[in-house]
Amino acid sequence: KLRSQALSDPLTGLYNRRFFEQKLTEHTN
């Protein structure tokens, strides 16, 4: 729950910019 809260936007429930940058790096690799 804490990890989800840390990586998600509280208003929309979508992932936040931090998670976006992390996953974008993983997928490009």
mmCIF file of all heavy atoms, coordinates in Angstrom:
data_MODEL
# 
_entry.id   MODEL 
# 
loop_
_atom_site.group_PDB 
_atom_site.id 
_atom_site.type_symbol 
_atom_site.label_atom_id 
_atom_site.label_alt_id 
_atom_site.label_comp_id 
_atom_site.label_asym_id 
_atom_site.label_entity_id 
_atom_site.label_seq_id 
_atom_site.pdbx_PDB_ins_code 
_atom_site.Cartn_x 
_atom_site.Cartn_y 
_atom_site.Cartn_z 
_atom_site.occupancy 
_atom_site.B_iso_or_equiv 
_atom_site.pdbx_formal_charge 
_atom_site.auth_seq_id 
_atom_site.auth_comp_id 
_atom_site.auth_asym_id 
_atom_site.auth_atom_id 
_atom_site.pdbx_PDB_model_num 
ATOM 1   N N   . LYS A 1 1  ? 0.826  -1.205 0.000   1.00 0.00 ? 1  LYS A N   1 
ATOM 2   C CA  . LYS A 1 1  ? 0.000  0.000  0.000   1.00 0.00 ? 1  LYS A CA  1 
ATOM 3   C C   . LYS A 1 1  ? 0.860  1.254  0.000   1.00 0.00 ? 1  LYS A C   1 
ATOM 4   O O   . LYS A 1 1  ? 0.609  2.216  -0.748  1.00 0.00 ? 1  LYS A O   1 
ATOM 5   C CB  . LYS A 1 1  ? -0.925 -0.007 1.210   1.00 0.00 ? 1  LYS A CB  1 
ATOM 6   C CG  . LYS A 1 1  ? -2.040 -1.035 1.134   1.00 0.00 ? 1  LYS A CG  1 
ATOM 7   C CD  . LYS A 1 1  ? -2.922 -0.975 2.374   1.00 0.00 ? 1  LYS A CD  1 
ATOM 8   C CE  . LYS A 1 1  ? -4.035 -2.023 2.289   1.00 0.00 ? 1  LYS A CE  1 
ATOM 9   N NZ  . LYS A 1 1  ? -4.890 -2.006 3.504   1.00 0.00 ? 1  LYS A NZ  1 
ATOM 10  N N   . LEU A 1 2  ? 1.891  1.246  0.853   1.00 0.00 ? 2  LEU A N   1 
ATOM 11  C CA  . LEU A 1 2  ? 2.782  2.405  0.912   1.00 0.00 ? 2  LEU A CA  1 
ATOM 12  C C   . LEU A 1 2  ? 3.531  2.586  -0.406  1.00 0.00 ? 2  LEU A C   1 
ATOM 13  O O   . LEU A 1 2  ? 3.726  3.717  -0.878  1.00 0.00 ? 2  LEU A O   1 
ATOM 14  C CB  . LEU A 1 2  ? 3.774  2.240  2.067   1.00 0.00 ? 2  LEU A CB  1 
ATOM 15  C CG  . LEU A 1 2  ? 3.183  2.263  3.476   1.00 0.00 ? 2  LEU A CG  1 
ATOM 16  C CD1 . LEU A 1 2  ? 4.256  1.976  4.518   1.00 0.00 ? 2  LEU A CD1 1 
ATOM 17  C CD2 . LEU A 1 2  ? 2.532  3.620  3.756   1.00 0.00 ? 2  LEU A CD2 1 
ATOM 18  N N   . ARG A 1 3  ? 3.960  1.462  -0.973  1.00 0.00 ? 3  ARG A N   1 
ATOM 19  C CA  . ARG A 1 3  ? 4.666  1.546  -2.256  1.00 0.00 ? 3  ARG A CA  1 
ATOM 20  C C   . ARG A 1 3  ? 3.741  2.070  -3.346  1.00 0.00 ? 3  ARG A C   1 
ATOM 21  O O   . ARG A 1 3  ? 4.123  2.895  -4.181  1.00 0.00 ? 3  ARG A O   1 
ATOM 22  C CB  . ARG A 1 3  ? 5.208  0.170  -2.630  1.00 0.00 ? 3  ARG A CB  1 
ATOM 23  C CG  . ARG A 1 3  ? 6.162  0.188  -3.815  1.00 0.00 ? 3  ARG A CG  1 
ATOM 24  C CD  . ARG A 1 3  ? 6.644  -1.208 -4.170  1.00 0.00 ? 3  ARG A CD  1 
ATOM 25  N NE  . ARG A 1 3  ? 7.304  -1.838 -3.046  1.00 0.00 ? 3  ARG A NE  1 
ATOM 26  C CZ  . ARG A 1 3  ? 6.824  -2.903 -2.401  1.00 0.00 ? 3  ARG A CZ  1 
ATOM 27  N NH1 . ARG A 1 3  ? 5.670  -3.442 -2.775  1.00 0.00 ? 3  ARG A NH1 1 
ATOM 28  N NH2 . ARG A 1 3  ? 7.492  -3.432 -1.406  1.00 0.00 ? 3  ARG A NH2 1 
ATOM 29  N N   . SER A 1 4  ? 2.485  1.596  -3.323  1.00 0.00 ? 4  SER A N   1 
ATOM 30  C CA  . SER A 1 4  ? 1.525  2.058  -4.314  1.00 0.00 ? 4  SER A CA  1 
ATOM 31  C C   . SER A 1 4  ? 1.231  3.550  -4.137  1.00 0.00 ? 4  SER A C   1 
ATOM 32  O O   . SER A 1 4  ? 1.131  4.296  -5.115  1.00 0.00 ? 4  SER A O   1 
ATOM 33  C CB  . SER A 1 4  ? 0.237  1.241  -4.191  1.00 0.00 ? 4  SER A CB  1 
ATOM 34  O OG  . SER A 1 4  ? -0.743 1.720  -5.074  1.00 0.00 ? 4  SER A OG  1 
ATOM 35  N N   . GLN A 1 5  ? 1.096  3.965  -2.840  1.00 0.00 ? 5  GLN A N   1 
ATOM 36  C CA  . GLN A 1 5  ? 0.855  5.374  -2.579  1.00 0.00 ? 5  GLN A CA  1 
ATOM 37  C C   . GLN A 1 5  ? 2.040  6.237  -2.999  1.00 0.00 ? 5  GLN A C   1 
ATOM 38  O O   . GLN A 1 5  ? 1.880  7.365  -3.485  1.00 0.00 ? 5  GLN A O   1 
ATOM 39  C CB  . GLN A 1 5  ? 0.556  5.583  -1.102  1.00 0.00 ? 5  GLN A CB  1 
ATOM 40  C CG  . GLN A 1 5  ? -0.769 4.982  -0.650  1.00 0.00 ? 5  GLN A CG  1 
ATOM 41  C CD  . GLN A 1 5  ? -0.971 5.090  0.841   1.00 0.00 ? 5  GLN A CD  1 
ATOM 42  O OE1 . GLN A 1 5  ? -0.114 5.614  1.559   1.00 0.00 ? 5  GLN A OE1 1 
ATOM 43  N NE2 . GLN A 1 5  ? -2.094 4.576  1.321   1.00 0.00 ? 5  GLN A NE2 1 
ATOM 44  N N   . ALA A 1 6  ? 3.249  5.703  -2.807  1.00 0.00 ? 6  ALA A N   1 
ATOM 45  C CA  . ALA A 1 6  ? 4.443  6.457  -3.167  1.00 0.00 ? 6  ALA A CA  1 
ATOM 46  C C   . ALA A 1 6  ? 4.617  6.567  -4.670  1.00 0.00 ? 6  ALA A C   1 
ATOM 47  O O   . ALA A 1 6  ? 5.245  7.516  -5.166  1.00 0.00 ? 6  ALA A O   1 
ATOM 48  C CB  . ALA A 1 6  ? 5.674  5.814  -2.543  1.00 0.00 ? 6  ALA A CB  1 
ATOM 49  N N   . LEU A 1 7  ? 4.049  5.595  -5.414  1.00 0.00 ? 7  LEU A N   1 
ATOM 50  C CA  . LEU A 1 7  ? 4.257  5.564  -6.863  1.00 0.00 ? 7  LEU A CA  1 
ATOM 51  C C   . LEU A 1 7  ? 3.005  5.932  -7.638  1.00 0.00 ? 7  LEU A C   1 
ATOM 52  O O   . LEU A 1 7  ? 2.999  5.843  -8.875  1.00 0.00 ? 7  LEU A O   1 
ATOM 53  C CB  . LEU A 1 7  ? 4.732  4.175  -7.287  1.00 0.00 ? 7  LEU A CB  1 
ATOM 54  C CG  . LEU A 1 7  ? 6.066  3.713  -6.681  1.00 0.00 ? 7  LEU A CG  1 
ATOM 55  C CD1 . LEU A 1 7  ? 6.368  2.291  -7.109  1.00 0.00 ? 7  LEU A CD1 1 
ATOM 56  C CD2 . LEU A 1 7  ? 7.195  4.647  -7.086  1.00 0.00 ? 7  LEU A CD2 1 
ATOM 57  N N   . SER A 1 8  ? 1.939  6.326  -6.966  1.00 0.00 ? 8  SER A N   1 
ATOM 58  C CA  . SER A 1 8  ? 0.701  6.643  -7.678  1.00 0.00 ? 8  SER A CA  1 
ATOM 59  C C   . SER A 1 8  ? 0.241  8.064  -7.352  1.00 0.00 ? 8  SER A C   1 
ATOM 60  O O   . SER A 1 8  ? 0.597  8.625  -6.311  1.00 0.00 ? 8  SER A O   1 
ATOM 61  C CB  . SER A 1 8  ? -0.393 5.640  -7.319  1.00 0.00 ? 8  SER A CB  1 
ATOM 62  O OG  . SER A 1 8  ? -0.695 5.717  -5.936  1.00 0.00 ? 8  SER A OG  1 
ATOM 63  N N   . ASP A 1 9  ? -0.555 8.581  -8.247  1.00 0.00 ? 9  ASP A N   1 
ATOM 64  C CA  . ASP A 1 9  ? -1.120 9.916  -8.066  1.00 0.00 ? 9  ASP A CA  1 
ATOM 65  C C   . ASP A 1 9  ? -2.351 9.819  -7.166  1.00 0.00 ? 9  ASP A C   1 
ATOM 66  O O   . ASP A 1 9  ? -3.262 9.018  -7.450  1.00 0.00 ? 9  ASP A O   1 
ATOM 67  C CB  . ASP A 1 9  ? -1.506 10.487 -9.429  1.00 0.00 ? 9  ASP A CB  1 
ATOM 68  C CG  . ASP A 1 9  ? -2.174 11.842 -9.310  1.00 0.00 ? 9  ASP A CG  1 
ATOM 69  O OD1 . ASP A 1 9  ? -1.533 12.775 -8.799  1.00 0.00 ? 9  ASP A OD1 1 
ATOM 70  O OD2 . ASP A 1 9  ? -3.358 11.927 -9.687  1.00 0.00 ? 9  ASP A OD2 1 
ATOM 71  N N   . PRO A 1 10 ? -2.424 10.583 -6.076  1.00 0.00 ? 10 PRO A N   1 
ATOM 72  C CA  . PRO A 1 10 ? -3.530 10.438 -5.126  1.00 0.00 ? 10 PRO A CA  1 
ATOM 73  C C   . PRO A 1 10 ? -4.877 10.829 -5.711  1.00 0.00 ? 10 PRO A C   1 
ATOM 74  O O   . PRO A 1 10 ? -5.908 10.312 -5.277  1.00 0.00 ? 10 PRO A O   1 
ATOM 75  C CB  . PRO A 1 10 ? -3.129 11.361 -3.970  1.00 0.00 ? 10 PRO A CB  1 
ATOM 76  C CG  . PRO A 1 10 ? -2.165 12.338 -4.552  1.00 0.00 ? 10 PRO A CG  1 
ATOM 77  C CD  . PRO A 1 10 ? -1.441 11.596 -5.638  1.00 0.00 ? 10 PRO A CD  1 
ATOM 78  N N   . LEU A 1 11 ? -4.931 11.738 -6.714  1.00 0.00 ? 11 LEU A N   1 
ATOM 79  C CA  . LEU A 1 11 ? -6.204 12.184 -7.263  1.00 0.00 ? 11 LEU A CA  1 
ATOM 80  C C   . LEU A 1 11 ? -6.773 11.175 -8.252  1.00 0.00 ? 11 LEU A C   1 
ATOM 81  O O   . LEU A 1 11 ? -7.932 10.773 -8.156  1.00 0.00 ? 11 LEU A O   1 
ATOM 82  C CB  . LEU A 1 11 ? -6.035 13.544 -7.936  1.00 0.00 ? 11 LEU A CB  1 
ATOM 83  C CG  . LEU A 1 11 ? -7.278 14.097 -8.640  1.00 0.00 ? 11 LEU A CG  1 
ATOM 84  C CD1 . LEU A 1 11 ? -8.404 14.335 -7.635  1.00 0.00 ? 11 LEU A CD1 1 
ATOM 85  C CD2 . LEU A 1 11 ? -6.952 15.370 -9.410  1.00 0.00 ? 11 LEU A CD2 1 
ATOM 86  N N   . THR A 1 12 ? -5.953 10.745 -9.202  1.00 0.00 ? 12 THR A N   1 
ATOM 87  C CA  . THR A 1 12 ? -6.452 9.913  -10.302 1.00 0.00 ? 12 THR A CA  1 
ATOM 88  C C   . THR A 1 12 ? -6.211 8.423  -10.088 1.00 0.00 ? 12 THR A C   1 
ATOM 89  O O   . THR A 1 12 ? -6.860 7.606  -10.730 1.00 0.00 ? 12 THR A O   1 
ATOM 90  C CB  . THR A 1 12 ? -5.771 10.336 -11.606 1.00 0.00 ? 12 THR A CB  1 
ATOM 91  O OG1 . THR A 1 12 ? -4.348 10.112 -11.486 1.00 0.00 ? 12 THR A OG1 1 
ATOM 92  C CG2 . THR A 1 12 ? -6.024 11.811 -11.894 1.00 0.00 ? 12 THR A CG2 1 
ATOM 93  N N   . GLY A 1 13 ? -5.258 8.067  -9.232  1.00 0.00 ? 13 GLY A N   1 
ATOM 94  C CA  . GLY A 1 13 ? -4.909 6.662  -9.067  1.00 0.00 ? 13 GLY A CA  1 
ATOM 95  C C   . GLY A 1 13 ? -3.948 6.155  -10.114 1.00 0.00 ? 13 GLY A C   1 
ATOM 96  O O   . GLY A 1 13 ? -3.527 4.987  -10.068 1.00 0.00 ? 13 GLY A O   1 
ATOM 97  N N   . LEU A 1 14 ? -3.583 7.004  -11.099 1.00 0.00 ? 14 LEU A N   1 
ATOM 98  C CA  . LEU A 1 14 ? -2.574 6.636  -12.093 1.00 0.00 ? 14 LEU A CA  1 
ATOM 99  C C   . LEU A 1 14 ? -1.183 6.697  -11.453 1.00 0.00 ? 14 LEU A C   1 
ATOM 100 O O   . LEU A 1 14 ? -0.983 7.339  -10.416 1.00 0.00 ? 14 LEU A O   1 
ATOM 101 C CB  . LEU A 1 14 ? -2.632 7.577  -13.289 1.00 0.00 ? 14 LEU A CB  1 
ATOM 102 C CG  . LEU A 1 14 ? -3.942 7.607  -14.093 1.00 0.00 ? 14 LEU A CG  1 
ATOM 103 C CD1 . LEU A 1 14 ? -3.827 8.641  -15.208 1.00 0.00 ? 14 LEU A CD1 1 
ATOM 104 C CD2 . LEU A 1 14 ? -4.269 6.227  -14.651 1.00 0.00 ? 14 LEU A CD2 1 
ATOM 105 N N   . TYR A 1 15 ? -0.225 6.051  -12.088 1.00 0.00 ? 15 TYR A N   1 
ATOM 106 C CA  . TYR A 1 15 ? 1.151  6.123  -11.598 1.00 0.00 ? 15 TYR A CA  1 
ATOM 107 C C   . TYR A 1 15 ? 1.669  7.558  -11.756 1.00 0.00 ? 15 TYR A C   1 
ATOM 108 O O   . TYR A 1 15 ? 1.271  8.283  -12.676 1.00 0.00 ? 15 TYR A O   1 
ATOM 109 C CB  . TYR A 1 15 ? 2.055  5.154  -12.361 1.00 0.00 ? 15 TYR A CB  1 
ATOM 110 C CG  . TYR A 1 15 ? 1.752  3.705  -12.036 1.00 0.00 ? 15 TYR A CG  1 
ATOM 111 C CD1 . TYR A 1 15 ? 1.150  2.888  -12.976 1.00 0.00 ? 15 TYR A CD1 1 
ATOM 112 C CD2 . TYR A 1 15 ? 2.080  3.173  -10.794 1.00 0.00 ? 15 TYR A CD2 1 
ATOM 113 C CE1 . TYR A 1 15 ? 0.868  1.562  -12.691 1.00 0.00 ? 15 TYR A CE1 1 
ATOM 114 C CE2 . TYR A 1 15 ? 1.801  1.850  -10.501 1.00 0.00 ? 15 TYR A CE2 1 
ATOM 115 C CZ  . TYR A 1 15 ? 1.187  1.041  -11.451 1.00 0.00 ? 15 TYR A CZ  1 
ATOM 116 O OH  . TYR A 1 15 ? 0.908  -0.256 -11.152 1.00 0.00 ? 15 TYR A OH  1 
ATOM 117 N N   . ASN A 1 16 ? 2.590  7.945  -10.841 1.00 0.00 ? 16 ASN A N   1 
ATOM 118 C CA  . ASN A 1 16 ? 3.110  9.312  -10.861 1.00 0.00 ? 16 ASN A CA  1 
ATOM 119 C C   . ASN A 1 16 ? 4.360  9.417  -11.744 1.00 0.00 ? 16 ASN A C   1 
ATOM 120 O O   . ASN A 1 16 ? 4.803  8.437  -12.353 1.00 0.00 ? 16 ASN A O   1 
ATOM 121 C CB  . ASN A 1 16 ? 3.375  9.809  -9.442  1.00 0.00 ? 16 ASN A CB  1 
ATOM 122 C CG  . ASN A 1 16 ? 4.349  8.904  -8.707  1.00 0.00 ? 16 ASN A CG  1 
ATOM 123 O OD1 . ASN A 1 16 ? 5.093  8.134  -9.323  1.00 0.00 ? 16 ASN A OD1 1 
ATOM 124 N ND2 . ASN A 1 16 ? 4.366  8.995  -7.388  1.00 0.00 ? 16 ASN A ND2 1 
ATOM 125 N N   . ARG A 1 17 ? 4.928  10.649 -11.807 1.00 0.00 ? 17 ARG A N   1 
ATOM 126 C CA  . ARG A 1 17 ? 6.092  10.890 -12.653 1.00 0.00 ? 17 ARG A CA  1 
ATOM 127 C C   . ARG A 1 17 ? 7.284  10.030 -12.252 1.00 0.00 ? 17 ARG A C   1 
ATOM 128 O O   . ARG A 1 17 ? 8.031  9.545  -13.114 1.00 0.00 ? 17 ARG A O   1 
ATOM 129 C CB  . ARG A 1 17 ? 6.471  12.373 -12.594 1.00 0.00 ? 17 ARG A CB  1 
ATOM 130 C CG  . ARG A 1 17 ? 7.710  12.731 -13.429 1.00 0.00 ? 17 ARG A CG  1 
ATOM 131 C CD  . ARG A 1 17 ? 8.014  14.196 -13.368 1.00 0.00 ? 17 ARG A CD  1 
ATOM 132 N NE  . ARG A 1 17 ? 7.046  14.987 -14.118 1.00 0.00 ? 17 ARG A NE  1 
ATOM 133 C CZ  . ARG A 1 17 ? 7.125  15.215 -15.429 1.00 0.00 ? 17 ARG A CZ  1 
ATOM 134 N NH1 . ARG A 1 17 ? 8.123  14.721 -16.134 1.00 0.00 ? 17 ARG A NH1 1 
ATOM 135 N NH2 . ARG A 1 17 ? 6.218  15.957 -16.022 1.00 0.00 ? 17 ARG A NH2 1 
ATOM 136 N N   . ARG A 1 18 ? 7.467  9.810  -10.936 1.00 0.00 ? 18 ARG A N   1 
ATOM 137 C CA  . ARG A 1 18 ? 8.601  8.999  -10.474 1.00 0.00 ? 18 ARG A CA  1 
ATOM 138 C C   . ARG A 1 18 ? 8.514  7.588  -11.042 1.00 0.00 ? 18 ARG A C   1 
ATOM 139 O O   . ARG A 1 18 ? 9.501  7.049  -11.556 1.00 0.00 ? 18 ARG A O   1 
ATOM 140 C CB  . ARG A 1 18 ? 8.606  8.968  -8.944  1.00 0.00 ? 18 ARG A CB  1 
ATOM 141 C CG  . ARG A 1 18 ? 9.689  8.090  -8.348  1.00 0.00 ? 18 ARG A CG  1 
ATOM 142 C CD  . ARG A 1 18 ? 9.548  8.067  -6.825  1.00 0.00 ? 18 ARG A CD  1 
ATOM 143 N NE  . ARG A 1 18 ? 10.495 7.157  -6.222  1.00 0.00 ? 18 ARG A NE  1 
ATOM 144 C CZ  . ARG A 1 18 ? 10.502 6.829  -4.927  1.00 0.00 ? 18 ARG A CZ  1 
ATOM 145 N NH1 . ARG A 1 18 ? 9.603  7.379  -4.106  1.00 0.00 ? 18 ARG A NH1 1 
ATOM 146 N NH2 . ARG A 1 18 ? 11.388 5.984  -4.451  1.00 0.00 ? 18 ARG A NH2 1 
ATOM 147 N N   . PHE A 1 19 ? 7.327  7.000  -10.943 1.00 0.00 ? 19 PHE A N   1 
ATOM 148 C CA  . PHE A 1 19 ? 7.156  5.648  -11.473 1.00 0.00 ? 19 PHE A CA  1 
ATOM 149 C C   . PHE A 1 19 ? 7.282  5.654  -13.002 1.00 0.00 ? 19 PHE A C   1 
ATOM 150 O O   . PHE A 1 19 ? 7.817  4.708  -13.600 1.00 0.00 ? 19 PHE A O   1 
ATOM 151 C CB  . PHE A 1 19 ? 5.787  5.105  -11.050 1.00 0.00 ? 19 PHE A CB  1 
ATOM 152 C CG  . PHE A 1 19 ? 5.568  3.658  -11.370 1.00 0.00 ? 19 PHE A CG  1 
ATOM 153 C CD1 . PHE A 1 19 ? 6.125  2.663  -10.581 1.00 0.00 ? 19 PHE A CD1 1 
ATOM 154 C CD2 . PHE A 1 19 ? 4.811  3.279  -12.470 1.00 0.00 ? 19 PHE A CD2 1 
ATOM 155 C CE1 . PHE A 1 19 ? 5.922  1.324  -10.875 1.00 0.00 ? 19 PHE A CE1 1 
ATOM 156 C CE2 . PHE A 1 19 ? 4.614  1.951  -12.775 1.00 0.00 ? 19 PHE A CE2 1 
ATOM 157 C CZ  . PHE A 1 19 ? 5.166  0.964  -11.978 1.00 0.00 ? 19 PHE A CZ  1 
ATOM 158 N N   . PHE A 1 20 ? 6.781  6.732  -13.648 1.00 0.00 ? 20 PHE A N   1 
ATOM 159 C CA  . PHE A 1 20 ? 6.887  6.861  -15.103 1.00 0.00 ? 20 PHE A CA  1 
ATOM 160 C C   . PHE A 1 20 ? 8.344  6.817  -15.549 1.00 0.00 ? 20 PHE A C   1 
ATOM 161 O O   . PHE A 1 20 ? 8.711  6.084  -16.474 1.00 0.00 ? 20 PHE A O   1 
ATOM 162 C CB  . PHE A 1 20 ? 6.218  8.178  -15.533 1.00 0.00 ? 20 PHE A CB  1 
ATOM 163 C CG  . PHE A 1 20 ? 6.523  8.589  -16.934 1.00 0.00 ? 20 PHE A CG  1 
ATOM 164 C CD1 . PHE A 1 20 ? 5.904  7.990  -18.016 1.00 0.00 ? 20 PHE A CD1 1 
ATOM 165 C CD2 . PHE A 1 20 ? 7.466  9.598  -17.180 1.00 0.00 ? 20 PHE A CD2 1 
ATOM 166 C CE1 . PHE A 1 20 ? 6.195  8.385  -19.308 1.00 0.00 ? 20 PHE A CE1 1 
ATOM 167 C CE2 . PHE A 1 20 ? 7.754  9.992  -18.469 1.00 0.00 ? 20 PHE A CE2 1 
ATOM 168 C CZ  . PHE A 1 20 ? 7.126  9.384  -19.539 1.00 0.00 ? 20 PHE A CZ  1 
ATOM 169 N N   . GLU A 1 21 ? 9.180  7.579  -14.896 1.00 0.00 ? 21 GLU A N   1 
ATOM 170 C CA  . GLU A 1 21 ? 10.600 7.621  -15.276 1.00 0.00 ? 21 GLU A CA  1 
ATOM 171 C C   . GLU A 1 21 ? 11.278 6.277  -15.011 1.00 0.00 ? 21 GLU A C   1 
ATOM 172 O O   . GLU A 1 21 ? 12.112 5.821  -15.797 1.00 0.00 ? 21 GLU A O   1 
ATOM 173 C CB  . GLU A 1 21 ? 11.296 8.730  -14.495 1.00 0.00 ? 21 GLU A CB  1 
ATOM 174 C CG  . GLU A 1 21 ? 10.812 10.129 -14.882 1.00 0.00 ? 21 GLU A CG  1 
ATOM 175 C CD  . GLU A 1 21 ? 11.387 11.204 -13.990 1.00 0.00 ? 21 GLU A CD  1 
ATOM 176 O OE1 . GLU A 1 21 ? 12.022 10.831 -12.974 1.00 0.00 ? 21 GLU A OE1 1 
ATOM 177 O OE2 . GLU A 1 21 ? 11.221 12.403 -14.304 1.00 0.00 ? 21 GLU A OE2 1 
ATOM 178 N N   . GLN A 1 22 ? 10.909 5.643  -13.868 1.00 0.00 ? 22 GLN A N   1 
ATOM 179 C CA  . GLN A 1 22 ? 11.506 4.346  -13.515 1.00 0.00 ? 22 GLN A CA  1 
ATOM 180 C C   . GLN A 1 22 ? 11.136 3.281  -14.546 1.00 0.00 ? 22 GLN A C   1 
ATOM 181 O O   . GLN A 1 22 ? 12.006 2.547  -15.049 1.00 0.00 ? 22 GLN A O   1 
ATOM 182 C CB  . GLN A 1 22 ? 11.023 3.930  -12.118 1.00 0.00 ? 22 GLN A CB  1 
ATOM 183 C CG  . GLN A 1 22 ? 11.498 2.550  -11.677 1.00 0.00 ? 22 GLN A CG  1 
ATOM 184 C CD  . GLN A 1 22 ? 10.921 2.160  -10.316 1.00 0.00 ? 22 GLN A CD  1 
ATOM 185 O OE1 . GLN A 1 22 ? 10.562 3.023  -9.520  1.00 0.00 ? 22 GLN A OE1 1 
ATOM 186 N NE2 . GLN A 1 22 ? 10.814 0.874  -10.068 1.00 0.00 ? 22 GLN A NE2 1 
ATOM 187 N N   . LYS A 1 23 ? 9.854  3.169  -14.877 1.00 0.00 ? 23 LYS A N   1 
ATOM 188 C CA  . LYS A 1 23 ? 9.404  2.141  -15.812 1.00 0.00 ? 23 LYS A CA  1 
ATOM 189 C C   . LYS A 1 23 ? 9.863  2.444  -17.245 1.00 0.00 ? 23 LYS A C   1 
ATOM 190 O O   . LYS A 1 23 ? 10.161 1.521  -18.010 1.00 0.00 ? 23 LYS A O   1 
ATOM 191 C CB  . LYS A 1 23 ? 7.886  2.034  -15.772 1.00 0.00 ? 23 LYS A CB  1 
ATOM 192 C CG  . LYS A 1 23 ? 7.372  1.340  -14.529 1.00 0.00 ? 23 LYS A CG  1 
ATOM 193 C CD  . LYS A 1 23 ? 7.923  -0.084 -14.443 1.00 0.00 ? 23 LYS A CD  1 
ATOM 194 C CE  . LYS A 1 23 ? 7.498  -0.812 -13.207 1.00 0.00 ? 23 LYS A CE  1 
ATOM 195 N NZ  . LYS A 1 23 ? 8.042  -2.191 -13.134 1.00 0.00 ? 23 LYS A NZ  1 
ATOM 196 N N   . LEU A 1 24 ? 9.933  3.714  -17.588 1.00 0.00 ? 24 LEU A N   1 
ATOM 197 C CA  . LEU A 1 24 ? 10.407 4.061  -18.922 1.00 0.00 ? 24 LEU A CA  1 
ATOM 198 C C   . LEU A 1 24 ? 11.856 3.629  -19.098 1.00 0.00 ? 24 LEU A C   1 
ATOM 199 O O   . LEU A 1 24 ? 12.241 3.113  -20.158 1.00 0.00 ? 24 LEU A O   1 
ATOM 200 C CB  . LEU A 1 24 ? 10.256 5.575  -19.146 1.00 0.00 ? 24 LEU A CB  1 
ATOM 201 C CG  . LEU A 1 24 ? 10.451 6.066  -20.576 1.00 0.00 ? 24 LEU A CG  1 
ATOM 202 C CD1 . LEU A 1 24 ? 9.426  5.421  -21.503 1.00 0.00 ? 24 LEU A CD1 1 
ATOM 203 C CD2 . LEU A 1 24 ? 10.353 7.582  -20.646 1.00 0.00 ? 24 LEU A CD2 1 
ATOM 204 N N   . THR A 1 25 ? 12.657 3.810  -18.041 1.00 0.00 ? 25 THR A N   1 
ATOM 205 C CA  . THR A 1 25 ? 14.055 3.368  -18.094 1.00 0.00 ? 25 THR A CA  1 
ATOM 206 C C   . THR A 1 25 ? 14.140 1.849  -18.233 1.00 0.00 ? 25 THR A C   1 
ATOM 207 O O   . THR A 1 25 ? 14.916 1.318  -19.040 1.00 0.00 ? 25 THR A O   1 
ATOM 208 C CB  . THR A 1 25 ? 14.798 3.821  -16.826 1.00 0.00 ? 25 THR A CB  1 
ATOM 209 O OG1 . THR A 1 25 ? 14.715 5.240  -16.708 1.00 0.00 ? 25 THR A OG1 1 
ATOM 210 C CG2 . THR A 1 25 ? 16.250 3.390  -16.879 1.00 0.00 ? 25 THR A CG2 1 
ATOM 211 N N   . GLU A 1 26 ? 13.320 1.130  -17.447 1.00 0.00 ? 26 GLU A N   1 
ATOM 212 C CA  . GLU A 1 26 ? 13.338 -0.344 -17.499 1.00 0.00 ? 26 GLU A CA  1 
ATOM 213 C C   . GLU A 1 26 ? 12.940 -0.837 -18.885 1.00 0.00 ? 26 GLU A C   1 
ATOM 214 O O   . GLU A 1 26 ? 13.607 -1.722 -19.463 1.00 0.00 ? 26 GLU A O   1 
ATOM 215 C CB  . GLU A 1 26 ? 12.394 -0.915 -16.459 1.00 0.00 ? 26 GLU A CB  1 
ATOM 216 C CG  . GLU A 1 26 ? 12.848 -0.716 -15.014 1.00 0.00 ? 26 GLU A CG  1 
ATOM 217 C CD  . GLU A 1 26 ? 11.858 -1.283 -14.019 1.00 0.00 ? 26 GLU A CD  1 
ATOM 218 O OE1 . GLU A 1 26 ? 10.875 -1.930 -14.466 1.00 0.00 ? 26 GLU A OE1 1 
ATOM 219 O OE2 . GLU A 1 26 ? 12.045 -1.080 -12.806 1.00 0.00 ? 26 GLU A OE2 1 
ATOM 220 N N   . HIS A 1 27 ? 11.887 -0.298 -19.433 1.00 0.00 ? 27 HIS A N   1 
ATOM 221 C CA  . HIS A 1 27 ? 11.393 -0.785 -20.726 1.00 0.00 ? 27 HIS A CA  1 
ATOM 222 C C   . HIS A 1 27 ? 12.327 -0.414 -21.876 1.00 0.00 ? 27 HIS A C   1 
ATOM 223 O O   . HIS A 1 27 ? 12.489 -1.194 -22.831 1.00 0.00 ? 27 HIS A O   1 
ATOM 224 C CB  . HIS A 1 27 ? 9.995  -0.223 -20.999 1.00 0.00 ? 27 HIS A CB  1 
ATOM 225 C CG  . HIS A 1 27 ? 8.930  -0.911 -20.194 1.00 0.00 ? 27 HIS A CG  1 
ATOM 226 N ND1 . HIS A 1 27 ? 8.669  -2.252 -20.298 1.00 0.00 ? 27 HIS A ND1 1 
ATOM 227 C CD2 . HIS A 1 27 ? 8.053  -0.423 -19.271 1.00 0.00 ? 27 HIS A CD2 1 
ATOM 228 C CE1 . HIS A 1 27 ? 7.679  -2.577 -19.482 1.00 0.00 ? 27 HIS A CE1 1 
ATOM 229 N NE2 . HIS A 1 27 ? 7.285  -1.475 -18.831 1.00 0.00 ? 27 HIS A NE2 1 
ATOM 230 N N   . THR A 1 28 ? 12.933 0.774  -21.813 1.00 0.00 ? 28 THR A N   1 
ATOM 231 C CA  . THR A 1 28 ? 13.892 1.116  -22.870 1.00 0.00 ? 28 THR A CA  1 
ATOM 232 C C   . THR A 1 28 ? 15.114 0.203  -22.815 1.00 0.00 ? 28 THR A C   1 
ATOM 233 O O   . THR A 1 28 ? 15.665 -0.174 -23.858 1.00 0.00 ? 28 THR A O   1 
ATOM 234 C CB  . THR A 1 28 ? 14.333 2.585  -22.745 1.00 0.00 ? 28 THR A CB  1 
ATOM 235 O OG1 . THR A 1 28 ? 14.773 2.845  -21.408 1.00 0.00 ? 28 THR A OG1 1 
ATOM 236 C CG2 . THR A 1 28 ? 13.191 3.526  -23.102 1.00 0.00 ? 28 THR A CG2 1 
ATOM 237 N N   . ASN A 1 29 ? 15.529 -0.157 -21.614 1.00 0.00 ? 29 ASN A N   1 
ATOM 238 C CA  . ASN A 1 29 ? 16.653 -1.100 -21.479 1.00 0.00 ? 29 ASN A CA  1 
ATOM 239 C C   . ASN A 1 29 ? 16.280 -2.461 -22.062 1.00 0.00 ? 29 ASN A C   1 
ATOM 240 O O   . ASN A 1 29 ? 17.083 -3.109 -22.743 1.00 0.00 ? 29 ASN A O   1 
ATOM 241 C CB  . ASN A 1 29 ? 17.062 -1.247 -20.027 1.00 0.00 ? 29 ASN A CB  1 
ATOM 242 C CG  . ASN A 1 29 ? 17.722 -0.004 -19.473 1.00 0.00 ? 29 ASN A CG  1 
ATOM 243 O OD1 . ASN A 1 29 ? 18.268 0.803  -20.236 1.00 0.00 ? 29 ASN A OD1 1 
ATOM 244 N ND2 . ASN A 1 29 ? 17.676 0.179  -18.160 1.00 0.00 ? 29 ASN A ND2 1 
# 
